[in-house]
Amino acid sequence: MQFHVRLHREVVSDDLAGLPANIHSRILDAIETRLAAAPDRLGKPLTSGLGGYRRLRVGDYRVIYVGRGSGIDM
């Protein structure tokens, strides 16, 4: 089952825009291929104040997300 990924506008305008192009494309590729395919199996659950969220490691970076039904919010 393929999940629909929703990126918050600040993720696009602030976080991803400030990264080098090669890192930017690696992160988007990981989101579109790995994360959209199996968000509940690939990401590691976060604890404490971020309970319910998960993280996916992409090189030296972490993608923080939460699954909502058939979608993923970042």
N, C-alpha and C. Protein backbone atom coordinates (compact mmCIF):
# COMPACT_ATOMS: atom_id res chain seq x y z
N MET A 1 0.85 -1.18 0.00
CA MET A 1 0.00 0.00 0.00
C MET A 1 0.89 1.24 0.00
N GLN A 2 0.62 2.15 -0.89
CA GLN A 2 1.38 3.39 -0.99
C GLN A 2 0.68 4.47 -0.16
N PHE A 3 1.43 5.15 0.68
CA PHE A 3 0.88 6.21 1.52
C PHE A 3 1.06 7.56 0.85
N HIS A 4 0.14 8.47 1.11
CA HIS A 4 0.22 9.83 0.59
C HIS A 4 1.04 10.67 1.56
N VAL A 5 2.06 11.35 1.07
CA VAL A 5 2.94 12.16 1.91
C VAL A 5 2.54 13.63 1.78
N ARG A 6 2.34 14.28 2.94
CA ARG A 6 2.02 15.71 2.97
C ARG A 6 3.15 16.45 3.67
N LEU A 7 3.81 17.33 2.94
CA LEU A 7 4.90 18.12 3.52
C LEU A 7 4.36 19.46 3.98
N HIS A 8 4.66 19.84 5.20
CA HIS A 8 4.27 21.15 5.71
C HIS A 8 5.04 22.21 4.92
N ARG A 9 4.42 23.33 4.64
CA ARG A 9 5.06 24.35 3.80
C ARG A 9 6.37 24.85 4.40
N GLU A 10 6.50 24.88 5.73
CA GLU A 10 7.76 25.31 6.34
C GLU A 10 8.87 24.29 6.13
N VAL A 11 8.52 23.03 6.00
CA VAL A 11 9.53 22.01 5.69
C VAL A 11 10.13 22.30 4.33
N VAL A 12 9.29 22.63 3.38
CA VAL A 12 9.75 22.91 2.02
C VAL A 12 10.49 24.24 1.96
N SER A 13 9.90 25.30 2.50
CA SER A 13 10.49 26.63 2.36
C SER A 13 11.69 26.87 3.27
N ASP A 14 11.71 26.29 4.46
CA ASP A 14 12.79 26.56 5.41
C ASP A 14 13.80 25.42 5.48
N ASP A 15 13.33 24.23 5.80
CA ASP A 15 14.24 23.12 6.08
C ASP A 15 14.92 22.58 4.82
N LEU A 16 14.16 22.16 3.85
CA LEU A 16 14.75 21.57 2.65
C LEU A 16 15.46 22.59 1.78
N ALA A 17 14.95 23.80 1.72
CA ALA A 17 15.54 24.83 0.86
C ALA A 17 16.96 25.21 1.31
N GLY A 18 17.26 25.06 2.59
CA GLY A 18 18.57 25.42 3.09
C GLY A 18 19.63 24.35 2.94
N LEU A 19 19.27 23.22 2.39
CA LEU A 19 20.22 22.11 2.25
C LEU A 19 20.88 22.12 0.88
N PRO A 20 22.09 21.57 0.78
CA PRO A 20 22.71 21.41 -0.54
C PRO A 20 21.83 20.54 -1.45
N ALA A 21 21.92 20.77 -2.74
CA ALA A 21 21.04 20.10 -3.70
C ALA A 21 21.13 18.58 -3.62
N ASN A 22 22.33 18.03 -3.42
CA ASN A 22 22.44 16.56 -3.39
C ASN A 22 21.77 15.98 -2.15
N ILE A 23 21.87 16.65 -1.01
CA ILE A 23 21.22 16.19 0.22
C ILE A 23 19.71 16.34 0.08
N HIS A 24 19.30 17.47 -0.47
CA HIS A 24 17.87 17.75 -0.69
C HIS A 24 17.24 16.63 -1.52
N SER A 25 17.90 16.23 -2.60
CA SER A 25 17.33 15.18 -3.45
C SER A 25 17.37 13.81 -2.77
N ARG A 26 18.40 13.53 -1.97
CA ARG A 26 18.45 12.25 -1.23
C ARG A 26 17.30 12.14 -0.25
N ILE A 27 17.00 13.23 0.44
CA ILE A 27 15.91 13.21 1.42
C ILE A 27 14.57 13.04 0.72
N LEU A 28 14.34 13.79 -0.35
CA LEU A 28 13.07 13.65 -1.08
C LEU A 28 12.92 12.25 -1.66
N ASP A 29 14.01 11.68 -2.16
CA ASP A 29 13.96 10.33 -2.70
C ASP A 29 13.60 9.32 -1.60
N ALA A 30 14.20 9.47 -0.43
CA ALA A 30 13.90 8.56 0.69
C ALA A 30 12.44 8.69 1.11
N ILE A 31 11.92 9.91 1.11
CA ILE A 31 10.52 10.13 1.48
C ILE A 31 9.60 9.47 0.47
N GLU A 32 9.87 9.69 -0.82
CA GLU A 32 8.98 9.19 -1.87
C GLU A 32 9.06 7.68 -2.07
N THR A 33 10.21 7.08 -1.86
CA THR A 33 10.34 5.65 -2.12
C THR A 33 10.23 4.81 -0.86
N ARG A 34 11.09 5.06 0.11
CA ARG A 34 11.11 4.23 1.31
C ARG A 34 9.96 4.54 2.25
N LEU A 35 9.81 5.80 2.60
CA LEU A 35 8.83 6.16 3.62
C LEU A 35 7.40 5.98 3.14
N ALA A 36 7.11 6.37 1.91
CA ALA A 36 5.75 6.25 1.39
C ALA A 36 5.31 4.80 1.26
N ALA A 37 6.26 3.88 1.19
CA ALA A 37 5.93 2.46 1.04
C ALA A 37 5.63 1.78 2.36
N ALA A 38 6.38 2.12 3.42
CA ALA A 38 6.20 1.42 4.70
C ALA A 38 6.59 2.31 5.88
N PRO A 39 5.83 3.35 6.16
CA PRO A 39 6.20 4.28 7.23
C PRO A 39 6.22 3.67 8.62
N ASP A 40 5.38 2.68 8.85
CA ASP A 40 5.30 2.08 10.18
C ASP A 40 6.42 1.07 10.44
N ARG A 41 7.08 0.58 9.40
CA ARG A 41 8.16 -0.39 9.57
C ARG A 41 9.54 0.24 9.50
N LEU A 42 9.69 1.31 8.73
CA LEU A 42 11.02 1.87 8.51
C LEU A 42 11.44 2.88 9.57
N GLY A 43 10.52 3.69 10.03
CA GLY A 43 10.88 4.72 10.98
C GLY A 43 10.97 4.21 12.40
N LYS A 44 11.84 4.83 13.17
CA LYS A 44 11.99 4.47 14.58
C LYS A 44 11.04 5.35 15.41
N PRO A 45 10.28 4.75 16.33
CA PRO A 45 9.36 5.55 17.16
C PRO A 45 10.13 6.49 18.08
N LEU A 46 9.61 7.70 18.23
CA LEU A 46 10.19 8.67 19.16
C LEU A 46 9.46 8.56 20.49
N THR A 47 10.09 9.05 21.53
CA THR A 47 9.51 8.95 22.87
C THR A 47 9.40 10.33 23.51
N SER A 48 8.97 10.34 24.74
CA SER A 48 8.85 11.55 25.55
C SER A 48 7.86 12.52 24.92
N GLY A 49 8.25 13.75 24.73
CA GLY A 49 7.35 14.77 24.20
C GLY A 49 6.97 14.57 22.75
N LEU A 50 7.67 13.69 22.06
CA LEU A 50 7.38 13.43 20.65
C LEU A 50 6.75 12.06 20.44
N GLY A 51 6.13 11.52 21.48
CA GLY A 51 5.45 10.24 21.36
C GLY A 51 4.41 10.28 20.25
N GLY A 52 4.35 9.25 19.44
CA GLY A 52 3.44 9.21 18.30
C GLY A 52 4.14 9.57 17.00
N TYR A 53 5.26 10.26 17.09
CA TYR A 53 6.05 10.60 15.91
C TYR A 53 7.10 9.52 15.68
N ARG A 54 7.63 9.50 14.46
CA ARG A 54 8.68 8.55 14.11
C ARG A 54 9.78 9.32 13.38
N ARG A 55 10.94 8.69 13.26
CA ARG A 55 12.03 9.32 12.51
C ARG A 55 12.63 8.32 11.53
N LEU A 56 13.06 8.84 10.42
CA LEU A 56 13.73 8.06 9.39
C LEU A 56 15.10 8.68 9.17
N ARG A 57 16.14 7.89 9.26
CA ARG A 57 17.50 8.39 9.07
C ARG A 57 17.84 8.40 7.59
N VAL A 58 18.35 9.54 7.13
CA VAL A 58 18.82 9.69 5.75
C VAL A 58 20.21 10.31 5.84
N GLY A 59 21.23 9.48 5.85
CA GLY A 59 22.60 9.96 6.02
C GLY A 59 22.75 10.58 7.41
N ASP A 60 23.21 11.82 7.46
CA ASP A 60 23.38 12.53 8.73
C ASP A 60 22.11 13.25 9.16
N TYR A 61 21.03 13.13 8.41
CA TYR A 61 19.80 13.86 8.67
C TYR A 61 18.70 12.92 9.15
N ARG A 62 17.73 13.49 9.84
CA ARG A 62 16.58 12.74 10.32
C ARG A 62 15.30 13.38 9.79
N VAL A 63 14.42 12.56 9.27
CA VAL A 63 13.11 13.01 8.81
C VAL A 63 12.11 12.63 9.90
N ILE A 64 11.45 13.62 10.47
CA ILE A 64 10.47 13.40 11.53
C ILE A 64 9.08 13.43 10.90
N TYR A 65 8.26 12.43 11.22
CA TYR A 65 6.94 12.35 10.61
C TYR A 65 5.96 11.66 11.55
N VAL A 66 4.69 11.78 11.20
CA VAL A 66 3.62 11.09 11.92
C VAL A 66 2.67 10.50 10.88
N GLY A 67 2.27 9.26 11.10
CA GLY A 67 1.30 8.62 10.21
C GLY A 67 -0.12 8.97 10.64
N ARG A 68 -0.95 9.30 9.67
CA ARG A 68 -2.36 9.63 9.93
C ARG A 68 -3.21 8.93 8.89
N GLY A 69 -3.76 7.78 9.26
CA GLY A 69 -4.58 7.01 8.32
C GLY A 69 -3.74 6.53 7.16
N SER A 70 -4.12 6.93 5.95
CA SER A 70 -3.36 6.53 4.77
C SER A 70 -2.38 7.61 4.34
N GLY A 71 -2.11 8.57 5.24
CA GLY A 71 -1.20 9.65 4.90
C GLY A 71 -0.07 9.78 5.90
N ILE A 72 0.93 10.55 5.52
CA ILE A 72 2.08 10.84 6.36
C ILE A 72 2.26 12.34 6.38
N ASP A 73 2.32 12.93 7.57
CA ASP A 73 2.52 14.37 7.70
C ASP A 73 3.93 14.67 8.16
N MET A 74 4.54 15.68 7.53
CA MET A 74 5.88 16.12 7.91
C MET A 74 5.89 17.60 8.11
